[in-house]
Structures are given as C-alpha cells and as structure tokens.
Amino acid sequence: MKLSLDDGRLLPGTTKKDDTLILPPEGGGILLPELAGDGPRWLNATMTVLAGHAQAFELRVWGGEEEPRVTVRFGLMPGFRAAVALDLNWLDGHVLFPGHRVGTQKVVCHGSRIDRAEIRRAALVSMACFEPVSVRVESLSLDDAPCAVQPPCGEKLIDAFGQYAPKEWPGKIRSEEELAAALRAEAAKPAAYPFPSWTKWGGCADRKLAPGTGFFSRARRDGRWYLTDPEGCAFFSMGPDCVVARADSRIDGLENLLDGLPPRDAAHAFLYESPRRAF
C-alpha cells in the first residue's frame, strides 16, 4: 500500500519539493493515518538524508493520550540511500532494541503496548536539529514483508586510521608516522586528572562517606543511600550504562565504505566477531 506525501499530511513547519521533505530545526514530518486498524505489518521507506551529518527520526504513535504511547527511534547516515523497514509488531512493547539494517543506525523502541485498533494518530518525524534538514523520500508504503536491503555505495566513510573520511580538521592523521607521533605526544602529557576535587574514579574527594573497599559500593548517611567510589567517596551516576575496555562497531554490509580493514583470515580472526561482523 503506497502512502502519500501530499501537503495535507505534512506536520507544521514541514515543506516539500518533489520527493524531498524540508524539515524545520525543531523537527517535522508526515502523518501516517494508515497505521490505525488492521493492515500490512511493515512500514517501508527509501530515504536519503541530504545533509553533512546523520539525522535521527521517530515513528510516533498516539492512543488517547497527549504524549505518544510508543516511539520507534532510528538514525540515518548522511548521503546514503537507505531502505528503512519498521515492524509494526514492535508496537506491542515486546522489544527495546530490535536491531538495525545496513544504512540505518540503532533502532530503539520506547513506550507501552498499543494495539493498532487503539491508534488515534501516527507520524514519522525528525528529531530536533541545529539546522533545517532535507530528506529525500523515494518511497513510503505499508507492506506484508520488509523491503529489500540496499547496500550503500558512494565515497569512503572511514579511513584506514578509523577517522571520518569526508571531513577535514586540524590534526587529522595522514600516515603511520603521524599516528606514532600523536601517540608519543599523548603519552608525554601529565597524568594528573584536571579536576582536583575528584578522585581518580570520579568521586567527590571532599565527601568521604565510608572506608574504601576497592570497589564501587554504597553507603548510608543521614538516612539516605549514596553511591561510593572505590575510595569510599560520594559518587554520582546518571544510571547504569555499558562500560567496557573495548570499542567495536557493526560493519556488516558496510565493508565497501571502510578503508584499511584487515583480511578475515586466521591471523586476524580475533579482530572480528561473527555473525554480525563487528570490528
């Protein structure tokens, strides 16, 4: 079922030129009334962000409340034609991170379950940005199956040193010699942490709450619980997060955009994860 990009569907501030939506900095988009009620399972779109930066979007679905009942957020890389496929079964609230496809960035589902019969309003919108953003929408439809993946093509995205290839900045590494010099300069810098009121763990050095245990822990003081760092000092955390020594990235389907990838042989197998080809 092909969905229309008619002007009457555009959200306030959104304009259109041919198949391109011009979205205002505060966010704009298009209404999708066809999501309400029974219908095909997949919302498919072919989209290209015509900007020098990535852009985040949300599928927002309302019931009878003022705020959306469910949001499905995803990002698109700049300049790459992406085949977006959003499973409307995600609206039942059973998944937080459903995975993403080549050309899109992480998909996150928030909210509580909503049946499609309860939908009162639905829209595909851009998240707020520092400037207006243009996005080409070649197709938008509801279908019984996800649209086919379209491997991105174009200029290299990442160079051999892991840097963003399309942009230039002072200090960008051009050779192995420059990389070695930069590492030596970094190693020669003072090791002192720039905040003298913090411990090396990020705790508040002038607020000792408990004897240090060598581990992050908790302490009760004046009827309240506090987090403490390994030295027993007060420690503020905005919440649990993923903290690991390694850093990797999913690259399956993007190999042609990356320079300097090592071969997938036995000698380099430790650099890769399977089957998602993280590197």
Foldseek 3Di string as FASTA:
>chain_A
DFDDPDPVFWFPPWDDDDQKIWAFQQKIFGWDVVLADDDAFKKKWWKAWADQAKWKKWKFWCFPDPGGQKIKMKIFGHGWTWIDIDGNVCLQVPDAFPDGAARMGTIGMDHHHDDSNRTPIITMMTHRHPGIIMMGIPTIDGHNDGDDTDQTDDAAQAEQVRDGPPDDDPLDDDDPVSVVVVVVVVVPDDPDDPDVQADPQRFGNVAAADAADQAWDWHDDPNDIFIAHNRRGGHDDPDDDDDDPDDKDQCVSPVVNYYNDDDCDPVCVVVFDPDRGID
